[in-house]
Amino acid sequence: MAETETETANSTPTTLEEATEQAKSFLAQAQEAIGDAVDATVEAIKEHPIAAAGIAAGVAAAVGGAAYAATQLGGEKEPAPKSKK
């Protein structure tokens, strides 16, 4: 009885050569999936450039806000000395 691709992928390799082949196969599948995702993303950006720009701006604002919040949560700091006038 022949093993299916899923059974082969889930089986434990018994030799270093089998492990290497499985790793190469997994890497090839991952590269293909990443390439497909990149292609789909590029197509979506071409079809909806304004929405893509809005999403990018929102992500940048969220990352900036998180970075600012992280700097503020560092604990109590001594207030800056007031200048005497």
N, C-alpha and C. Protein backbone atom coordinates (compact mmCIF):
# COMPACT_ATOMS: atom_id res chain seq x y z
N MET A 1 0.84 -1.18 0.00
CA MET A 1 0.00 0.00 0.00
C MET A 1 0.89 1.24 0.00
N ALA A 2 0.67 2.15 -0.93
CA ALA A 2 1.51 3.34 -1.05
C ALA A 2 1.08 4.39 -0.04
N GLU A 3 2.06 5.10 0.52
CA GLU A 3 1.78 6.18 1.46
C GLU A 3 1.33 7.41 0.70
N THR A 4 0.41 8.15 1.28
CA THR A 4 0.02 9.42 0.67
C THR A 4 1.03 10.48 1.05
N GLU A 5 0.94 11.63 0.41
CA GLU A 5 1.89 12.71 0.69
C GLU A 5 1.77 13.17 2.14
N THR A 6 0.54 13.22 2.67
CA THR A 6 0.33 13.63 4.06
C THR A 6 0.95 12.63 5.03
N GLU A 7 0.75 11.35 4.76
CA GLU A 7 1.34 10.34 5.64
C GLU A 7 2.86 10.40 5.60
N THR A 8 3.42 10.64 4.42
CA THR A 8 4.87 10.75 4.30
C THR A 8 5.37 11.96 5.08
N ALA A 9 4.66 13.07 4.99
CA ALA A 9 5.08 14.30 5.68
C ALA A 9 4.98 14.14 7.19
N ASN A 10 4.02 13.35 7.67
CA ASN A 10 3.83 13.19 9.10
C ASN A 10 4.64 12.04 9.70
N SER A 11 5.25 11.20 8.86
CA SER A 11 6.02 10.07 9.38
C SER A 11 7.37 10.57 9.89
N THR A 12 7.90 9.85 10.86
CA THR A 12 9.18 10.20 11.44
C THR A 12 10.29 9.62 10.56
N PRO A 13 11.21 10.48 10.12
CA PRO A 13 12.30 9.96 9.28
C PRO A 13 13.20 9.04 10.09
N THR A 14 13.70 7.99 9.43
CA THR A 14 14.56 7.04 10.14
C THR A 14 16.03 7.27 9.83
N THR A 15 16.34 7.99 8.76
CA THR A 15 17.73 8.27 8.43
C THR A 15 17.92 9.77 8.23
N LEU A 16 19.16 10.16 8.27
CA LEU A 16 19.49 11.56 8.05
C LEU A 16 19.09 11.99 6.64
N GLU A 17 19.25 11.09 5.68
CA GLU A 17 18.89 11.39 4.30
C GLU A 17 17.38 11.65 4.18
N GLU A 18 16.57 10.83 4.84
CA GLU A 18 15.12 11.04 4.81
C GLU A 18 14.74 12.36 5.47
N ALA A 19 15.40 12.67 6.58
CA ALA A 19 15.12 13.93 7.27
C ALA A 19 15.49 15.12 6.39
N THR A 20 16.61 15.02 5.70
CA THR A 20 17.04 16.09 4.81
C THR A 20 16.05 16.26 3.66
N GLU A 21 15.60 15.17 3.09
CA GLU A 21 14.62 15.24 1.99
C GLU A 21 13.31 15.84 2.47
N GLN A 22 12.86 15.47 3.66
CA GLN A 22 11.62 16.03 4.20
C GLN A 22 11.77 17.52 4.44
N ALA A 23 12.92 17.92 4.97
CA ALA A 23 13.15 19.34 5.22
C ALA A 23 13.17 20.13 3.92
N LYS A 24 13.81 19.58 2.89
CA LYS A 24 13.84 20.25 1.59
C LYS A 24 12.45 20.37 1.00
N SER A 25 11.65 19.31 1.14
CA SER A 25 10.28 19.32 0.63
C SER A 25 9.45 20.37 1.37
N PHE A 26 9.59 20.41 2.68
CA PHE A 26 8.87 21.40 3.48
C PHE A 26 9.29 22.81 3.09
N LEU A 27 10.59 23.03 2.90
CA LEU A 27 11.10 24.34 2.51
C LEU A 27 10.55 24.76 1.15
N ALA A 28 10.49 23.83 0.22
CA ALA A 28 9.95 24.13 -1.11
C ALA A 28 8.48 24.52 -1.02
N GLN A 29 7.71 23.80 -0.20
CA GLN A 29 6.30 24.12 -0.02
C GLN A 29 6.13 25.48 0.63
N ALA A 30 6.96 25.78 1.62
CA ALA A 30 6.88 27.07 2.30
C ALA A 30 7.23 28.20 1.35
N GLN A 31 8.26 28.02 0.54
CA GLN A 31 8.64 29.06 -0.42
C GLN A 31 7.52 29.30 -1.42
N GLU A 32 6.87 28.24 -1.86
CA GLU A 32 5.76 28.39 -2.81
C GLU A 32 4.60 29.13 -2.17
N ALA A 33 4.28 28.79 -0.92
CA ALA A 33 3.19 29.45 -0.22
C ALA A 33 3.49 30.94 0.00
N ILE A 34 4.72 31.25 0.37
CA ILE A 34 5.11 32.65 0.57
C ILE A 34 5.05 33.41 -0.74
N GLY A 35 5.52 32.80 -1.82
CA GLY A 35 5.46 33.43 -3.13
C GLY A 35 4.02 33.71 -3.55
N ASP A 36 3.13 32.74 -3.31
CA ASP A 36 1.72 32.93 -3.63
C ASP A 36 1.12 34.07 -2.81
N ALA A 37 1.48 34.14 -1.52
CA ALA A 37 0.96 35.20 -0.66
C ALA A 37 1.45 36.57 -1.12
N VAL A 38 2.71 36.66 -1.51
CA VAL A 38 3.26 37.92 -1.99
C VAL A 38 2.55 38.34 -3.28
N ASP A 39 2.35 37.39 -4.19
CA ASP A 39 1.65 37.70 -5.44
C ASP A 39 0.24 38.19 -5.18
N ALA A 40 -0.46 37.54 -4.26
CA ALA A 40 -1.83 37.95 -3.93
C ALA A 40 -1.85 39.34 -3.30
N THR A 41 -0.87 39.63 -2.46
CA THR A 41 -0.78 40.94 -1.82
C THR A 41 -0.53 42.03 -2.85
N VAL A 42 0.39 41.79 -3.76
CA VAL A 42 0.70 42.77 -4.80
C VAL A 42 -0.53 43.03 -5.66
N GLU A 43 -1.26 41.97 -6.01
CA GLU A 43 -2.48 42.13 -6.81
C GLU A 43 -3.52 42.95 -6.06
N ALA A 44 -3.69 42.67 -4.78
CA ALA A 44 -4.67 43.41 -3.97
C ALA A 44 -4.29 44.88 -3.88
N ILE A 45 -3.01 45.18 -3.75
CA ILE A 45 -2.56 46.57 -3.68
C ILE A 45 -2.80 47.27 -5.00
N LYS A 46 -2.56 46.56 -6.11
CA LYS A 46 -2.80 47.16 -7.43
C LYS A 46 -4.28 47.43 -7.65
N GLU A 47 -5.14 46.55 -7.15
CA GLU A 47 -6.58 46.72 -7.34
C GLU A 47 -7.17 47.77 -6.42
N HIS A 48 -6.61 47.95 -5.22
CA HIS A 48 -7.16 48.86 -4.22
C HIS A 48 -6.04 49.70 -3.59
N PRO A 49 -5.41 50.60 -4.35
CA PRO A 49 -4.26 51.34 -3.82
C PRO A 49 -4.61 52.29 -2.66
N ILE A 50 -5.79 52.90 -2.70
CA ILE A 50 -6.16 53.83 -1.63
C ILE A 50 -6.39 53.07 -0.33
N ALA A 51 -7.09 51.95 -0.41
CA ALA A 51 -7.31 51.13 0.78
C ALA A 51 -5.99 50.63 1.34
N ALA A 52 -5.08 50.23 0.45
CA ALA A 52 -3.77 49.74 0.90
C ALA A 52 -2.99 50.84 1.62
N ALA A 53 -3.06 52.06 1.09
CA ALA A 53 -2.38 53.19 1.74
C ALA A 53 -2.99 53.47 3.10
N GLY A 54 -4.32 53.38 3.19
CA GLY A 54 -4.99 53.59 4.48
C GLY A 54 -4.60 52.54 5.50
N ILE A 55 -4.54 51.30 5.06
CA ILE A 55 -4.13 50.22 5.97
C ILE A 55 -2.70 50.43 6.44
N ALA A 56 -1.81 50.80 5.51
CA ALA A 56 -0.41 51.03 5.87
C ALA A 56 -0.30 52.17 6.88
N ALA A 57 -1.08 53.24 6.67
CA ALA A 57 -1.05 54.37 7.61
C ALA A 57 -1.57 53.94 8.98
N GLY A 58 -2.61 53.14 9.00
CA GLY A 58 -3.15 52.65 10.27
C GLY A 58 -2.16 51.76 11.01
N VAL A 59 -1.49 50.91 10.28
CA VAL A 59 -0.49 50.04 10.90
C VAL A 59 0.66 50.88 11.46
N ALA A 60 1.10 51.88 10.70
CA ALA A 60 2.19 52.75 11.16
C ALA A 60 1.77 53.50 12.42
N ALA A 61 0.53 53.98 12.46
CA ALA A 61 0.04 54.69 13.65
C ALA A 61 -0.03 53.75 14.85
N ALA A 62 -0.48 52.52 14.63
CA ALA A 62 -0.58 51.56 15.72
C ALA A 62 0.81 51.21 16.27
N VAL A 63 1.76 50.99 15.38
CA VAL A 63 3.12 50.67 15.81
C VAL A 63 3.73 51.87 16.55
N GLY A 64 3.52 53.05 16.01
CA GLY A 64 4.04 54.25 16.68
C GLY A 64 3.41 54.45 18.05
N GLY A 65 2.10 54.24 18.14
CA GLY A 65 1.42 54.37 19.42
C GLY A 65 1.90 53.34 20.42
N ALA A 66 2.11 52.12 19.95
CA ALA A 66 2.61 51.07 20.85
C ALA A 66 4.03 51.40 21.33
N ALA A 67 4.85 51.91 20.43
CA ALA A 67 6.22 52.27 20.82
C ALA A 67 6.21 53.41 21.84
N TYR A 68 5.34 54.39 21.61
CA TYR A 68 5.23 55.51 22.56
C TYR A 68 4.74 55.01 23.92
N ALA A 69 3.72 54.15 23.91
CA ALA A 69 3.19 53.62 25.16
C ALA A 69 4.25 52.82 25.90
N ALA A 70 5.05 52.06 25.16
CA ALA A 70 6.10 51.25 25.80
C ALA A 70 7.12 52.14 26.49
N THR A 71 7.43 53.29 25.89
CA THR A 71 8.40 54.19 26.53
C THR A 71 7.81 54.84 27.77
N GLN A 72 6.49 55.03 27.80
CA GLN A 72 5.85 55.68 28.94
C GLN A 72 5.60 54.71 30.09
N LEU A 73 5.58 53.44 29.82
CA LEU A 73 5.32 52.44 30.86
C LEU A 73 6.59 51.97 31.54
N GLY A 74 7.68 52.65 31.31
CA GLY A 74 8.96 52.24 31.86
C GLY A 74 9.09 52.43 33.36
N GLY A 75 8.09 52.91 34.03
CA GLY A 75 8.16 53.13 35.47
C GLY A 75 8.19 54.61 35.77
N GLU A 76 8.08 54.93 37.05
CA GLU A 76 8.09 56.34 37.43
C GLU A 76 9.49 56.91 37.27
N LYS A 77 9.52 58.05 36.71
CA LYS A 77 10.78 58.75 36.53
C LYS A 77 10.70 60.07 37.28
N GLU A 78 11.80 60.54 37.69
CA GLU A 78 11.81 61.83 38.36
C GLU A 78 11.40 62.91 37.37
N PRO A 79 10.55 63.83 37.80
CA PRO A 79 10.16 64.90 36.89
C PRO A 79 11.36 65.79 36.58
N ALA A 80 11.32 66.38 35.42
CA ALA A 80 12.40 67.29 35.03
C ALA A 80 12.42 68.47 35.99
N PRO A 81 13.61 68.92 36.38
CA PRO A 81 13.69 70.06 37.31
C PRO A 81 13.10 71.33 36.67
N LYS A 82 12.34 72.06 37.48
CA LYS A 82 11.73 73.29 36.97
C LYS A 82 12.78 74.38 36.99
N SER A 83 12.76 75.18 35.95
CA SER A 83 13.71 76.28 35.91
C SER A 83 13.24 77.40 36.81
N LYS A 84 14.18 78.04 37.50
CA LYS A 84 13.84 79.12 38.42
C LYS A 84 13.92 80.43 37.66
N LYS A 85 12.85 81.21 37.74
CA LYS A 85 12.85 82.51 37.08
C LYS A 85 12.61 83.61 38.05
